[in-house]
Amino acid sequence: MNGGPVSSGATGLRVVVLGATGNVGTSVVERLGADPRVASVLGVARRTPDWHPPRTEWASADIGAGGDRAGGDDSAGQAAEERLTDLFRGADAVIHLAWLLQPLRDPLTTWRTNVLGTARVLRAVAAAGVPALVYASSVGAYSPGPQDRAVDESWPTHGGRPDTAYCREKAYVERLLDGFERDHPEVRVVRMRPGFLFKRESAGEQRRLFMGPFLPQRLIRPGLLPVVPDLPGLRFQVLHTDDAAEAYRLAVTEPVHGAFNLAAGPVVDASVLAGLLDARVVRLPLGPARAAVAAAWRLRLAPASPELFDAFLRLPVMDCGRAERELGWTPRRSATDAIQELLRGLRETAGAPTPPLVPKLRGGRLREIATGVGRRP
């Protein structure tokens, strides 16, 4: 097995978490801080929060600073990489959660952070001599899968749709990791591939990322939505964010490597959603639904593109047995529990004291509209 120790002895583990203020990062920081084997957590984010979880310190860094260093002078990118290397020195593990989903209308910006930024992270991990890297991949990295069976971690990771920035970038980073593992066998690399991650405190962020400023949040309650459309391909997997955080903690403290699918049951389809919303299922063809999504995108009424919608309907169903066998991980909450938390959070305008999870942006929804739906807030 490749990789170094998962413990630094009597002093305990030092863990660096990139993207520590988001949906997943906040849960990971809390779970690590509660583990007696973890001596300290360094949370790294572009904007540090006024939040003080146990054993945690904060540092500011932007992995997407600058541009492609092959394209000319990139002093900002070089400085960002040196900053990361300094932050990583002496760490037992780096958990890389930093990722931009928006702005979908500006894929160059997401590419700079998600792909070029991850390349900087990998070089900094190697330069700092970090023995373990845990990376947040996604079900979106997978190629479309069969409808009659679940796929394990050996399923190809070529992305659901190459014209969708999210899938394209997740798949590209998988190739970066392939090369990194080949060139740095001394580093233990773990790739987490979760389904959709929800918790109550992420409701404001989820609404901004996927639903937009025109969603009437307080009306999202059982009985008010009469029907749920049953579209071809509408089957997806969900996990409570805190259960995902437990898998990340185990990936740091246990000597595992490789990829792990993460999701809870049941697989969510129209009938499951209808049960949660006390609605009827109505079978609809895909064409009109996609046309509606495309129209909302063109009119800047929604932040999710029709290509992202297409990718969503092509996701494979994942087999999560390896995580149970090798990590000793099983989710404590069901997929329906996680969705119910999200729905409750949307109704209550829930959030958390970190910049990505604030329940309301300064300027409110008018600012979201003014800055452009589907752009970076």
Protein backbone atom coordinates (compact mmCIF):
# COMPACT_ATOMS: atom_id res chain seq x y z
CA MET A 1 0.00 0.00 0.00
CA ASN A 2 1.30 3.46 -0.87
CA GLY A 3 1.43 6.37 1.53
CA GLY A 4 2.82 7.40 4.87
CA PRO A 5 1.61 7.16 8.45
CA VAL A 6 -1.88 8.21 9.51
CA SER A 7 -0.62 9.40 12.89
CA SER A 8 2.21 11.70 13.90
CA GLY A 9 2.66 9.99 17.24
CA ALA A 10 1.87 11.33 20.69
CA THR A 11 1.22 14.83 19.38
CA GLY A 12 -1.72 13.68 17.23
CA LEU A 13 -2.66 14.48 13.68
CA ARG A 14 -2.39 17.86 12.00
CA VAL A 15 -4.95 18.18 9.20
CA VAL A 16 -5.35 20.96 6.65
CA VAL A 17 -8.82 21.41 5.14
CA LEU A 18 -9.13 23.41 1.92
CA GLY A 19 -12.60 24.81 1.32
CA ALA A 20 -13.31 24.55 5.03
CA THR A 21 -16.18 27.05 5.17
CA GLY A 22 -18.64 25.43 2.75
CA ASN A 23 -21.35 22.79 3.01
CA VAL A 24 -18.94 19.87 3.38
CA GLY A 25 -16.01 21.76 4.89
CA THR A 26 -17.88 22.96 7.96
CA SER A 27 -19.02 19.42 8.77
CA VAL A 28 -15.53 18.00 8.17
CA VAL A 29 -13.94 20.59 10.46
CA GLU A 30 -16.45 19.80 13.22
CA ARG A 31 -15.97 16.04 12.87
CA LEU A 32 -12.17 16.29 12.92
CA GLY A 33 -12.26 18.61 15.94
CA ALA A 34 -14.23 16.01 17.87
CA ASP A 35 -11.69 13.23 17.19
CA PRO A 36 -9.11 12.89 20.01
CA ARG A 37 -6.56 11.62 17.48
CA VAL A 38 -6.62 14.99 15.72
CA ALA A 39 -4.42 17.55 17.45
CA SER A 40 -5.18 20.49 15.18
CA VAL A 41 -7.13 21.53 12.12
CA LEU A 42 -6.09 24.35 9.81
CA GLY A 43 -9.11 25.56 7.87
CA VAL A 44 -8.19 27.30 4.62
CA ALA A 45 -10.62 29.45 2.62
CA ARG A 46 -10.64 32.58 0.48
CA ARG A 47 -12.60 34.38 3.20
CA THR A 48 -12.02 33.29 6.77
CA PRO A 49 -15.07 33.14 9.06
CA ASP A 50 -15.92 34.48 12.48
CA TRP A 51 -16.45 30.90 13.67
CA HIS A 52 -14.30 29.07 16.20
CA PRO A 53 -14.80 25.28 16.25
CA PRO A 54 -12.58 23.20 18.57
CA ARG A 55 -8.88 22.76 17.71
CA THR A 56 -9.25 24.84 14.56
CA GLU A 57 -7.28 27.79 13.25
CA TRP A 58 -7.92 29.69 10.03
CA ALA A 59 -5.81 30.85 7.11
CA SER A 60 -6.73 32.65 3.91
CA ALA A 61 -5.65 31.42 0.48
CA ASP A 62 -7.10 31.45 -3.02
CA ILE A 63 -6.12 28.37 -5.00
CA GLY A 64 -7.55 29.93 -8.17
CA ALA A 65 -5.40 33.08 -8.09
CA GLY A 66 -3.66 33.99 -11.34
CA GLY A 67 -4.00 31.98 -14.51
CA ASP A 68 -2.29 29.22 -16.44
CA ARG A 69 1.43 29.57 -15.77
CA ALA A 70 2.14 28.02 -19.20
CA GLY A 71 0.52 31.05 -20.79
CA GLY A 72 3.02 33.67 -19.63
CA ASP A 73 3.73 35.49 -16.39
CA ASP A 74 1.73 34.04 -13.50
CA SER A 75 3.26 35.64 -10.45
CA ALA A 76 -0.08 35.55 -8.60
CA GLY A 77 -0.42 31.82 -9.26
CA GLN A 78 3.16 31.19 -8.16
CA ALA A 79 2.56 33.14 -4.97
CA ALA A 80 -0.63 31.14 -4.31
CA GLU A 81 1.27 27.87 -4.75
CA GLU A 82 4.03 29.00 -2.39
CA ARG A 83 1.40 30.05 0.12
CA LEU A 84 -0.19 26.59 -0.03
CA THR A 85 3.17 24.88 0.35
CA ASP A 86 3.87 26.90 3.49
CA LEU A 87 0.44 26.07 4.93
CA PHE A 88 0.89 22.36 4.21
CA ARG A 89 4.31 21.93 5.86
CA GLY A 90 4.13 19.57 8.82
CA ALA A 91 0.62 18.37 7.97
CA ASP A 92 -0.26 14.69 8.22
CA ALA A 93 -3.10 15.05 5.71
CA VAL A 94 -4.64 17.60 3.36
CA ILE A 95 -8.37 17.38 2.63
CA HIS A 96 -9.12 19.19 -0.63
CA LEU A 97 -12.75 20.36 -0.75
CA ALA A 98 -12.28 23.72 -2.51
CA TRP A 99 -14.46 23.89 -5.62
CA LEU A 100 -16.47 26.47 -7.55
CA LEU A 101 -19.78 25.35 -9.03
CA GLN A 102 -20.74 28.87 -10.03
CA PRO A 103 -20.36 30.90 -12.20
CA LEU A 104 -21.65 28.44 -14.81
CA ARG A 105 -21.79 31.36 -17.25
CA ASP A 106 -18.04 31.90 -16.87
CA PRO A 107 -16.34 28.50 -17.23
CA LEU A 108 -12.88 30.09 -17.40
CA THR A 109 -13.27 31.18 -13.78
CA THR A 110 -14.32 27.72 -12.60
CA TRP A 111 -11.50 26.13 -14.63
CA ARG A 112 -8.91 28.37 -12.96
CA THR A 113 -10.04 27.35 -9.49
CA ASN A 114 -11.12 23.77 -9.99
CA VAL A 115 -8.47 22.49 -12.39
CA LEU A 116 -5.51 24.88 -12.29
CA GLY A 117 -6.07 25.42 -8.58
CA THR A 118 -6.11 21.68 -7.91
CA ALA A 119 -2.88 21.31 -9.90
CA ARG A 120 -1.34 23.89 -7.52
CA VAL A 121 -2.65 21.95 -4.54
CA LEU A 122 -1.05 18.74 -5.83
CA ARG A 123 2.31 20.41 -6.42
CA ALA A 124 2.16 21.98 -2.95
CA VAL A 125 1.33 18.62 -1.32
CA ALA A 126 4.39 17.07 -2.97
CA ALA A 127 6.66 20.03 -2.17
CA ALA A 128 5.58 20.08 1.49
CA GLY A 129 6.00 16.32 1.92
CA VAL A 130 2.41 15.69 3.03
CA PRO A 131 1.89 11.92 3.37
CA ALA A 132 -1.87 11.83 2.65
CA LEU A 133 -4.28 13.66 0.34
CA VAL A 134 -8.07 13.25 0.51
CA TYR A 135 -9.86 14.78 -2.48
CA ALA A 136 -13.55 15.58 -2.99
CA SER A 137 -14.53 14.09 -6.32
CA SER A 138 -18.18 13.43 -7.16
CA VAL A 139 -20.72 11.16 -8.79
CA GLY A 140 -20.54 13.81 -11.53
CA ALA A 141 -17.10 12.52 -12.50
CA TYR A 142 -18.59 9.23 -13.67
CA SER A 143 -19.59 8.42 -17.23
CA PRO A 144 -23.30 7.66 -17.68
CA GLY A 145 -24.14 4.26 -16.24
CA PRO A 146 -26.64 1.45 -16.73
CA GLN A 147 -30.18 1.77 -15.39
CA ASP A 148 -30.46 -1.82 -14.16
CA ARG A 149 -27.54 -2.03 -11.72
CA ALA A 150 -25.27 0.06 -9.51
CA VAL A 151 -21.66 0.74 -10.52
CA ASP A 152 -18.60 0.48 -8.30
CA GLU A 153 -15.49 2.65 -8.21
CA SER A 154 -14.02 1.00 -11.33
CA TRP A 155 -16.66 2.65 -13.55
CA PRO A 156 -15.05 5.11 -16.04
CA THR A 157 -14.63 8.69 -14.84
CA HIS A 158 -14.99 10.60 -18.09
CA GLY A 159 -17.76 12.88 -16.81
CA GLY A 160 -21.47 12.80 -17.50
CA ARG A 161 -21.35 15.45 -20.26
CA PRO A 162 -18.23 17.13 -21.67
CA ASP A 163 -20.23 20.33 -22.37
CA THR A 164 -20.96 20.73 -18.65
CA ALA A 165 -18.17 22.52 -16.80
CA TYR A 166 -18.79 20.69 -13.53
CA CYS A 167 -18.56 17.19 -15.02
CA ARG A 168 -15.73 18.12 -17.37
CA GLU A 169 -13.64 19.57 -14.56
CA LYS A 170 -14.32 16.71 -12.13
CA ALA A 171 -13.26 14.22 -14.81
CA TYR A 172 -10.14 16.24 -15.68
CA VAL A 173 -9.04 16.35 -12.05
CA GLU A 174 -9.39 12.57 -11.88
CA ARG A 175 -6.75 12.44 -14.64
CA LEU A 176 -4.56 14.88 -12.69
CA LEU A 177 -4.79 12.53 -9.71
CA ASP A 178 -3.88 9.55 -11.89
CA GLY A 179 -0.66 11.30 -12.88
CA PHE A 180 0.02 12.49 -9.35
CA GLU A 181 -0.30 8.97 -7.94
CA ARG A 182 2.03 7.64 -10.62
CA ASP A 183 4.67 10.32 -9.94
CA HIS A 184 4.29 10.39 -6.13
CA PRO A 185 3.68 6.86 -4.85
CA GLU A 186 4.80 8.00 -1.40
CA VAL A 187 1.53 9.99 -1.01
CA ARG A 188 -1.58 8.11 0.07
CA VAL A 189 -4.39 9.43 -2.14
CA VAL A 190 -8.09 8.97 -1.35
CA ARG A 191 -10.84 10.07 -3.73
CA MET A 192 -14.34 10.54 -2.32
CA ARG A 193 -17.19 10.30 -4.85
CA PRO A 194 -20.38 11.30 -3.04
CA GLY A 195 -23.88 11.86 -4.32
CA PHE A 196 -25.75 15.09 -3.58
CA LEU A 197 -24.86 16.44 -0.14
CA PHE A 198 -27.50 18.21 1.95
CA LYS A 199 -27.86 19.56 5.47
CA ARG A 200 -30.11 22.18 6.99
CA GLU A 201 -27.37 24.79 7.31
CA SER A 202 -26.53 24.60 3.60
CA ALA A 203 -30.03 25.57 2.46
CA GLY A 204 -29.18 29.18 1.59
CA GLU A 205 -26.11 28.18 -0.40
CA GLN A 206 -27.98 25.38 -2.20
CA ARG A 207 -30.76 27.78 -3.14
CA ARG A 208 -28.29 30.30 -4.58
CA LEU A 209 -26.28 27.68 -6.48
CA PHE A 210 -29.07 25.63 -8.01
CA MET A 211 -32.49 27.30 -7.62
CA GLY A 212 -31.90 31.03 -7.91
CA PRO A 213 -33.45 34.16 -6.41
CA PHE A 214 -37.02 33.56 -7.63
CA LEU A 215 -37.68 30.44 -5.55
CA PRO A 216 -40.49 31.04 -2.99
CA GLN A 217 -38.73 29.27 -0.12
CA ARG A 218 -41.48 29.51 2.49
CA LEU A 219 -43.87 27.71 0.17
CA ILE A 220 -41.71 24.58 0.01
CA ARG A 221 -43.78 22.41 2.29
CA PRO A 222 -45.78 19.20 1.95
CA GLY A 223 -49.15 19.60 0.29
CA LEU A 224 -48.47 22.89 -1.51
CA LEU A 225 -46.83 21.37 -4.60
CA PRO A 226 -49.55 19.35 -6.39
CA VAL A 227 -47.39 17.17 -8.66
CA VAL A 228 -43.85 15.88 -9.07
CA PRO A 229 -42.79 15.23 -12.68
CA ASP A 230 -41.53 11.73 -13.41
CA LEU A 231 -38.89 12.36 -16.08
CA PRO A 232 -36.84 9.72 -17.92
CA GLY A 233 -33.59 9.26 -15.98
CA LEU A 234 -34.81 10.93 -12.78
CA ARG A 235 -32.93 8.75 -10.29
CA PHE A 236 -30.22 10.15 -8.03
CA GLN A 237 -28.46 9.54 -4.73
CA VAL A 238 -28.28 11.74 -1.68
CA LEU A 239 -26.22 11.83 1.52
CA HIS A 240 -26.39 13.94 4.64
CA THR A 241 -23.33 16.16 4.74
CA ASP A 242 -22.43 15.06 8.28
CA ASP A 243 -22.29 11.44 7.13
CA ALA A 244 -19.96 12.46 4.31
CA ALA A 245 -17.79 14.27 6.87
CA GLU A 246 -17.47 11.05 8.84
CA ALA A 247 -16.13 9.31 5.74
CA TYR A 248 -13.54 12.07 5.32
CA ARG A 249 -12.50 11.69 8.96
CA LEU A 250 -12.05 7.95 8.49
CA ALA A 251 -10.03 8.55 5.34
CA VAL A 252 -7.59 10.59 7.42
CA THR A 253 -7.36 8.25 10.40
CA GLU A 254 -7.44 4.88 8.60
CA PRO A 255 -4.71 3.58 6.22
CA VAL A 256 -6.93 3.41 3.13
CA HIS A 257 -6.36 4.65 -0.39
CA GLY A 258 -8.22 4.80 -3.68
CA ALA A 259 -11.78 5.81 -4.54
CA PHE A 260 -14.91 5.47 -2.41
CA ASN A 261 -18.53 5.95 -3.47
CA LEU A 262 -20.65 7.63 -0.79
CA ALA A 263 -24.46 7.70 -0.69
CA ALA A 264 -27.38 6.70 1.49
CA GLY A 265 -30.52 4.82 0.57
CA PRO A 266 -33.03 4.92 -0.89
CA VAL A 267 -32.20 5.97 -4.45
CA VAL A 268 -34.36 9.05 -4.97
CA ASP A 269 -36.89 9.09 -7.81
CA ALA A 270 -40.18 10.84 -8.50
CA SER A 271 -42.13 8.58 -6.14
CA VAL A 272 -39.75 9.29 -3.24
CA LEU A 273 -39.97 13.04 -3.87
CA ALA A 274 -43.75 12.85 -4.13
CA GLY A 275 -43.92 11.09 -0.77
CA LEU A 276 -41.83 13.83 0.84
CA LEU A 277 -43.94 16.61 -0.68
CA ASP A 278 -47.33 14.93 -0.38
CA ALA A 279 -47.78 15.28 -4.13
CA ARG A 280 -48.87 13.15 -7.08
CA VAL A 281 -46.47 11.68 -9.62
CA VAL A 282 -47.13 12.73 -13.21
CA ARG A 283 -45.19 11.13 -16.03
CA LEU A 284 -43.78 13.80 -18.37
CA PRO A 285 -41.66 13.61 -21.51
CA LEU A 286 -38.18 15.02 -21.28
CA GLY A 287 -38.47 17.55 -24.11
CA PRO A 288 -40.84 20.08 -22.51
CA ALA A 289 -39.04 19.90 -19.16
CA ARG A 290 -35.67 20.56 -20.77
CA ALA A 291 -37.15 23.40 -22.83
CA ALA A 292 -38.41 25.01 -19.63
CA VAL A 293 -34.98 24.72 -18.00
CA ALA A 294 -33.32 26.16 -21.11
CA ALA A 295 -35.75 29.08 -21.22
CA ALA A 296 -35.17 29.89 -17.54
CA TRP A 297 -31.43 29.79 -18.18
CA ARG A 298 -31.59 32.08 -21.23
CA LEU A 299 -33.81 34.56 -19.39
CA ARG A 300 -31.48 34.48 -16.35
CA LEU A 301 -34.26 33.26 -14.10
CA ALA A 302 -32.32 30.19 -12.87
CA PRO A 303 -28.61 29.48 -12.21
CA ALA A 304 -28.61 25.88 -13.51
CA SER A 305 -27.92 25.39 -17.22
CA PRO A 306 -29.77 22.91 -19.47
CA GLU A 307 -26.48 21.03 -19.92
CA LEU A 308 -26.22 20.57 -16.15
CA PHE A 309 -29.83 19.33 -16.19
CA ASP A 310 -28.91 16.81 -18.90
CA ALA A 311 -25.92 15.60 -16.88
CA PHE A 312 -28.09 15.20 -13.79
CA LEU A 313 -30.41 12.82 -15.66
CA ARG A 314 -27.46 10.71 -16.87
CA LEU A 315 -25.86 10.02 -13.50
CA PRO A 316 -25.16 6.38 -12.66
CA VAL A 317 -26.37 4.77 -9.44
CA MET A 318 -23.37 4.01 -7.24
CA ASP A 319 -22.56 0.87 -5.27
CA CYS A 320 -21.18 2.05 -1.89
CA GLY A 321 -20.08 -1.34 -0.56
CA ARG A 322 -16.37 -0.56 -0.63
CA ALA A 323 -16.76 2.30 1.85
CA GLU A 324 -18.52 -0.04 4.26
CA ARG A 325 -15.96 -2.83 3.86
CA GLU A 326 -12.72 -0.84 3.90
CA LEU A 327 -13.56 2.41 5.70
CA GLY A 328 -16.00 0.87 8.15
CA TRP A 329 -18.44 3.60 7.09
CA THR A 330 -22.22 3.49 6.97
CA PRO A 331 -24.51 6.54 6.83
CA ARG A 332 -26.58 7.26 9.93
CA ARG A 333 -29.26 9.18 8.05
CA SER A 334 -31.27 8.12 5.04
CA ALA A 335 -31.48 10.02 1.78
CA THR A 336 -35.00 11.13 2.71
CA ASP A 337 -33.72 12.43 6.07
CA ALA A 338 -31.18 14.59 4.24
CA ILE A 339 -33.77 15.95 1.78
CA GLN A 340 -36.20 16.72 4.60
CA GLU A 341 -33.45 18.69 6.37
CA LEU A 342 -32.78 20.67 3.21
CA LEU A 343 -36.48 21.42 2.70
CA ARG A 344 -36.81 22.54 6.31
CA GLY A 345 -33.73 24.71 5.93
CA LEU A 346 -35.17 26.32 2.80
CA ARG A 347 -38.43 27.14 4.59
CA GLU A 348 -36.55 28.56 7.58
CA THR A 349 -33.90 30.41 5.53
CA ALA A 350 -31.24 28.48 7.44
CA GLY A 351 -27.51 29.06 7.24
CA ALA A 352 -24.25 29.07 9.20
CA PRO A 353 -21.65 31.69 10.27
CA THR A 354 -19.31 31.24 7.29
CA PRO A 355 -19.27 33.31 4.07
CA PRO A 356 -20.57 30.56 1.73
CA LEU A 357 -23.32 29.47 4.14
CA VAL A 358 -24.76 32.83 5.18
CA PRO A 359 -28.56 32.56 4.92
CA LYS A 360 -28.83 35.89 3.10
CA LEU A 361 -26.28 37.82 1.07
CA ARG A 362 -25.79 41.49 1.77
CA GLY A 363 -28.20 43.16 -0.60
CA GLY A 364 -30.46 40.11 -0.60
CA ARG A 365 -31.98 38.59 -3.71
CA LEU A 366 -31.91 41.89 -5.55
CA ARG A 367 -28.13 41.68 -5.46
CA GLU A 368 -28.27 38.15 -6.86
CA ILE A 369 -30.40 39.39 -9.75
CA ALA A 370 -28.24 42.47 -10.32
CA THR A 371 -24.99 40.49 -10.41
CA GLY A 372 -26.46 37.99 -12.87
CA VAL A 373 -28.15 34.67 -12.08
CA GLY A 374 -25.68 31.89 -12.72
CA ARG A 375 -22.69 34.13 -11.99
CA ARG A 376 -20.55 34.33 -8.90
CA PRO A 377 -22.38 36.20 -6.08
